Amino acid sequence: MKKIIVAVALIGTLASCTPEERGTTIGAGTGAIIGGAVSNSWGGAAIGAVAGGAVGYLIGHSSRQGYCIYRDRNGRRYEARCR
């Protein structure tokens, strides 16, 4: 039950963020997990969090305002104004 409450709280928190903040948060969390697992140390987790946060910010910042990503019938992705 505690895990469900934590998950709902995290989802609710991320839902109110901008794309840059959301990308930074997800990138930092993922980087910390991967960095900690690979190096088996807190230092590796910290480095992974910093690197993941930077990359996550750049990915979140690259999405243009008012544009959405769609898929056509063949599965190709394209960017166009949101409907």
N, C-alpha and C. Protein backbone atom coordinates (compact mmCIF):
# COMPACT_ATOMS: atom_id res chain seq x y z
N MET A 1 0.82 -1.18 0.00
CA MET A 1 0.00 0.00 0.00
C MET A 1 0.87 1.26 0.00
N LYS A 2 2.00 1.21 0.74
CA LYS A 2 2.88 2.37 0.80
C LYS A 2 3.48 2.66 -0.57
N LYS A 3 3.80 1.61 -1.33
CA LYS A 3 4.39 1.81 -2.65
C LYS A 3 3.40 2.49 -3.59
N ILE A 4 2.14 2.15 -3.48
CA ILE A 4 1.11 2.76 -4.32
C ILE A 4 0.97 4.24 -3.99
N ILE A 5 0.99 4.57 -2.72
CA ILE A 5 0.87 5.97 -2.31
C ILE A 5 2.06 6.78 -2.80
N VAL A 6 3.25 6.23 -2.69
CA VAL A 6 4.45 6.92 -3.17
C VAL A 6 4.39 7.09 -4.68
N ALA A 7 3.96 6.06 -5.40
CA ALA A 7 3.87 6.14 -6.85
C ALA A 7 2.87 7.21 -7.28
N VAL A 8 1.72 7.26 -6.65
CA VAL A 8 0.71 8.27 -6.98
C VAL A 8 1.23 9.67 -6.68
N ALA A 9 1.93 9.82 -5.57
CA ALA A 9 2.49 11.13 -5.22
C ALA A 9 3.53 11.58 -6.25
N LEU A 10 4.38 10.66 -6.69
CA LEU A 10 5.40 11.01 -7.69
C LEU A 10 4.76 11.36 -9.03
N ILE A 11 3.76 10.59 -9.43
CA ILE A 11 3.08 10.87 -10.71
C ILE A 11 2.38 12.22 -10.65
N GLY A 12 1.73 12.50 -9.53
CA GLY A 12 1.07 13.79 -9.37
C GLY A 12 2.04 14.95 -9.40
N THR A 13 3.19 14.76 -8.81
CA THR A 13 4.22 15.80 -8.81
C THR A 13 4.75 16.06 -10.21
N LEU A 14 5.03 14.99 -10.94
CA LEU A 14 5.56 15.16 -12.29
C LEU A 14 4.52 15.69 -13.27
N ALA A 15 3.25 15.47 -13.00
CA ALA A 15 2.21 15.92 -13.92
C ALA A 15 2.13 17.44 -14.00
N SER A 16 2.55 18.12 -12.94
CA SER A 16 2.45 19.58 -12.92
C SER A 16 3.73 20.27 -13.37
N CYS A 17 4.70 19.53 -13.84
CA CYS A 17 5.99 20.11 -14.24
C CYS A 17 6.00 20.49 -15.72
N THR A 18 6.95 21.36 -16.06
CA THR A 18 7.19 21.68 -17.46
C THR A 18 7.97 20.52 -18.09
N PRO A 19 8.03 20.46 -19.41
CA PRO A 19 8.80 19.37 -20.04
C PRO A 19 10.27 19.34 -19.62
N GLU A 20 10.87 20.52 -19.40
CA GLU A 20 12.27 20.55 -18.98
C GLU A 20 12.42 19.96 -17.58
N GLU A 21 11.52 20.34 -16.67
CA GLU A 21 11.60 19.82 -15.30
C GLU A 21 11.34 18.32 -15.26
N ARG A 22 10.37 17.89 -16.04
CA ARG A 22 10.03 16.46 -16.09
C ARG A 22 11.22 15.67 -16.65
N GLY A 23 11.82 16.16 -17.71
CA GLY A 23 12.98 15.48 -18.31
C GLY A 23 14.16 15.43 -17.36
N THR A 24 14.39 16.53 -16.64
CA THR A 24 15.49 16.57 -15.69
C THR A 24 15.27 15.58 -14.55
N THR A 25 14.05 15.53 -14.03
CA THR A 25 13.74 14.63 -12.92
C THR A 25 13.88 13.17 -13.33
N ILE A 26 13.31 12.83 -14.45
CA ILE A 26 13.38 11.44 -14.91
C ILE A 26 14.81 11.06 -15.26
N GLY A 27 15.54 11.96 -15.92
CA GLY A 27 16.93 11.70 -16.27
C GLY A 27 17.82 11.53 -15.06
N ALA A 28 17.63 12.39 -14.05
CA ALA A 28 18.46 12.30 -12.85
C ALA A 28 18.17 11.01 -12.08
N GLY A 29 16.91 10.65 -11.98
CA GLY A 29 16.56 9.41 -11.28
C GLY A 29 17.11 8.19 -11.98
N THR A 30 16.94 8.16 -13.29
CA THR A 30 17.45 7.03 -14.06
C THR A 30 18.97 6.97 -14.02
N GLY A 31 19.61 8.12 -14.14
CA GLY A 31 21.07 8.17 -14.09
C GLY A 31 21.61 7.72 -12.75
N ALA A 32 20.93 8.09 -11.67
CA ALA A 32 21.37 7.67 -10.33
C ALA A 32 21.26 6.17 -10.16
N ILE A 33 20.17 5.60 -10.65
CA ILE A 33 19.98 4.15 -10.53
C ILE A 33 21.04 3.40 -11.34
N ILE A 34 21.24 3.83 -12.57
CA ILE A 34 22.21 3.15 -13.43
C ILE A 34 23.63 3.36 -12.91
N GLY A 35 23.97 4.60 -12.53
CA GLY A 35 25.31 4.88 -12.01
C GLY A 35 25.61 4.11 -10.74
N GLY A 36 24.63 4.00 -9.86
CA GLY A 36 24.83 3.24 -8.63
C GLY A 36 24.95 1.75 -8.87
N ALA A 37 24.16 1.24 -9.82
CA ALA A 37 24.21 -0.20 -10.11
C ALA A 37 25.52 -0.59 -10.80
N VAL A 38 26.00 0.25 -11.69
CA VAL A 38 27.22 -0.07 -12.42
C VAL A 38 28.46 0.04 -11.53
N SER A 39 28.55 1.13 -10.75
CA SER A 39 29.76 1.35 -9.94
C SER A 39 29.65 0.78 -8.54
N ASN A 40 28.45 0.47 -8.09
CA ASN A 40 28.22 -0.05 -6.74
C ASN A 40 28.74 0.90 -5.67
N SER A 41 28.55 2.23 -5.92
CA SER A 41 28.99 3.22 -4.94
C SER A 41 28.08 4.44 -5.01
N TRP A 42 28.11 5.25 -3.93
CA TRP A 42 27.33 6.48 -3.91
C TRP A 42 27.89 7.50 -4.89
N GLY A 43 29.19 7.51 -5.05
CA GLY A 43 29.82 8.45 -5.98
C GLY A 43 29.37 8.22 -7.41
N GLY A 44 29.28 6.94 -7.79
CA GLY A 44 28.79 6.61 -9.13
C GLY A 44 27.35 7.01 -9.32
N ALA A 45 26.55 6.86 -8.26
CA ALA A 45 25.15 7.27 -8.34
C ALA A 45 25.04 8.79 -8.48
N ALA A 46 25.88 9.52 -7.78
CA ALA A 46 25.86 10.98 -7.87
C ALA A 46 26.27 11.45 -9.26
N ILE A 47 27.31 10.86 -9.80
CA ILE A 47 27.75 11.23 -11.15
C ILE A 47 26.67 10.87 -12.17
N GLY A 48 26.07 9.70 -12.01
CA GLY A 48 24.98 9.30 -12.92
C GLY A 48 23.79 10.23 -12.83
N ALA A 49 23.47 10.71 -11.62
CA ALA A 49 22.35 11.63 -11.46
C ALA A 49 22.62 12.96 -12.15
N VAL A 50 23.83 13.47 -12.02
CA VAL A 50 24.18 14.74 -12.66
C VAL A 50 24.14 14.60 -14.18
N ALA A 51 24.76 13.54 -14.69
CA ALA A 51 24.78 13.33 -16.14
C ALA A 51 23.37 13.08 -16.67
N GLY A 52 22.61 12.25 -15.98
CA GLY A 52 21.24 11.96 -16.42
C GLY A 52 20.35 13.18 -16.36
N GLY A 53 20.52 14.02 -15.34
CA GLY A 53 19.74 15.24 -15.25
C GLY A 53 20.04 16.21 -16.37
N ALA A 54 21.31 16.33 -16.73
CA ALA A 54 21.69 17.22 -17.83
C ALA A 54 21.12 16.74 -19.15
N VAL A 55 21.24 15.46 -19.40
CA VAL A 55 20.71 14.91 -20.65
C VAL A 55 19.19 15.00 -20.67
N GLY A 56 18.55 14.72 -19.54
CA GLY A 56 17.09 14.82 -19.45
C GLY A 56 16.60 16.22 -19.70
N TYR A 57 17.32 17.22 -19.19
CA TYR A 57 16.94 18.60 -19.44
C TYR A 57 17.02 18.93 -20.93
N LEU A 58 18.11 18.50 -21.56
CA LEU A 58 18.27 18.80 -22.98
C LEU A 58 17.18 18.13 -23.81
N ILE A 59 16.81 16.92 -23.45
CA ILE A 59 15.75 16.24 -24.18
C ILE A 59 14.42 16.94 -23.95
N GLY A 60 14.13 17.30 -22.71
CA GLY A 60 12.89 18.00 -22.41
C GLY A 60 12.81 19.37 -23.05
N HIS A 61 13.95 20.03 -23.16
CA HIS A 61 14.00 21.37 -23.76
C HIS A 61 13.87 21.32 -25.27
N SER A 62 14.18 20.20 -25.88
CA SER A 62 14.16 20.13 -27.33
C SER A 62 12.76 20.07 -27.91
N SER A 63 11.76 19.71 -27.10
CA SER A 63 10.41 19.65 -27.63
C SER A 63 9.86 21.07 -27.79
N ARG A 64 9.28 21.34 -28.94
CA ARG A 64 8.81 22.68 -29.25
C ARG A 64 7.41 22.91 -28.69
N GLN A 65 7.14 24.12 -28.24
CA GLN A 65 5.83 24.48 -27.70
C GLN A 65 4.79 24.46 -28.81
N GLY A 66 3.67 23.85 -28.54
CA GLY A 66 2.57 23.84 -29.51
C GLY A 66 2.69 22.77 -30.58
N TYR A 67 3.72 21.94 -30.53
CA TYR A 67 3.91 20.88 -31.50
C TYR A 67 3.82 19.53 -30.80
N CYS A 68 3.25 18.57 -31.50
CA CYS A 68 3.12 17.22 -30.96
C CYS A 68 3.77 16.24 -31.92
N ILE A 69 4.11 15.08 -31.41
CA ILE A 69 4.69 14.03 -32.24
C ILE A 69 3.60 13.02 -32.56
N TYR A 70 3.42 12.74 -33.84
CA TYR A 70 2.40 11.82 -34.30
C TYR A 70 3.05 10.66 -35.06
N ARG A 71 2.29 9.61 -35.28
CA ARG A 71 2.73 8.48 -36.11
C ARG A 71 1.75 8.34 -37.27
N ASP A 72 2.30 8.08 -38.46
CA ASP A 72 1.43 7.84 -39.59
C ASP A 72 1.10 6.34 -39.68
N ARG A 73 0.41 5.96 -40.74
CA ARG A 73 -0.01 4.56 -40.89
C ARG A 73 1.15 3.58 -40.96
N ASN A 74 2.28 4.05 -41.45
CA ASN A 74 3.45 3.18 -41.61
C ASN A 74 4.34 3.16 -40.37
N GLY A 75 3.95 3.88 -39.32
CA GLY A 75 4.73 3.88 -38.10
C GLY A 75 5.80 4.94 -38.03
N ARG A 76 5.91 5.76 -39.08
CA ARG A 76 6.90 6.84 -39.06
C ARG A 76 6.43 7.97 -38.15
N ARG A 77 7.37 8.55 -37.43
CA ARG A 77 7.05 9.64 -36.53
C ARG A 77 7.26 10.97 -37.25
N TYR A 78 6.36 11.93 -36.99
CA TYR A 78 6.52 13.27 -37.52
C TYR A 78 5.99 14.27 -36.51
N GLU A 79 6.45 15.51 -36.64
CA GLU A 79 6.07 16.57 -35.71
C GLU A 79 5.20 17.57 -36.44
N ALA A 80 4.07 17.92 -35.83
CA ALA A 80 3.15 18.88 -36.42
C ALA A 80 2.45 19.64 -35.28
N ARG A 81 1.77 20.72 -35.64
CA ARG A 81 1.02 21.47 -34.62
C ARG A 81 -0.01 20.56 -33.95
N CYS A 82 -0.16 20.73 -32.65
CA CYS A 82 -1.13 19.93 -31.90
C CYS A 82 -2.55 20.26 -32.37
N ARG A 83 -3.38 19.26 -32.38
CA ARG A 83 -4.76 19.44 -32.81
C ARG A 83 -5.64 19.84 -31.66
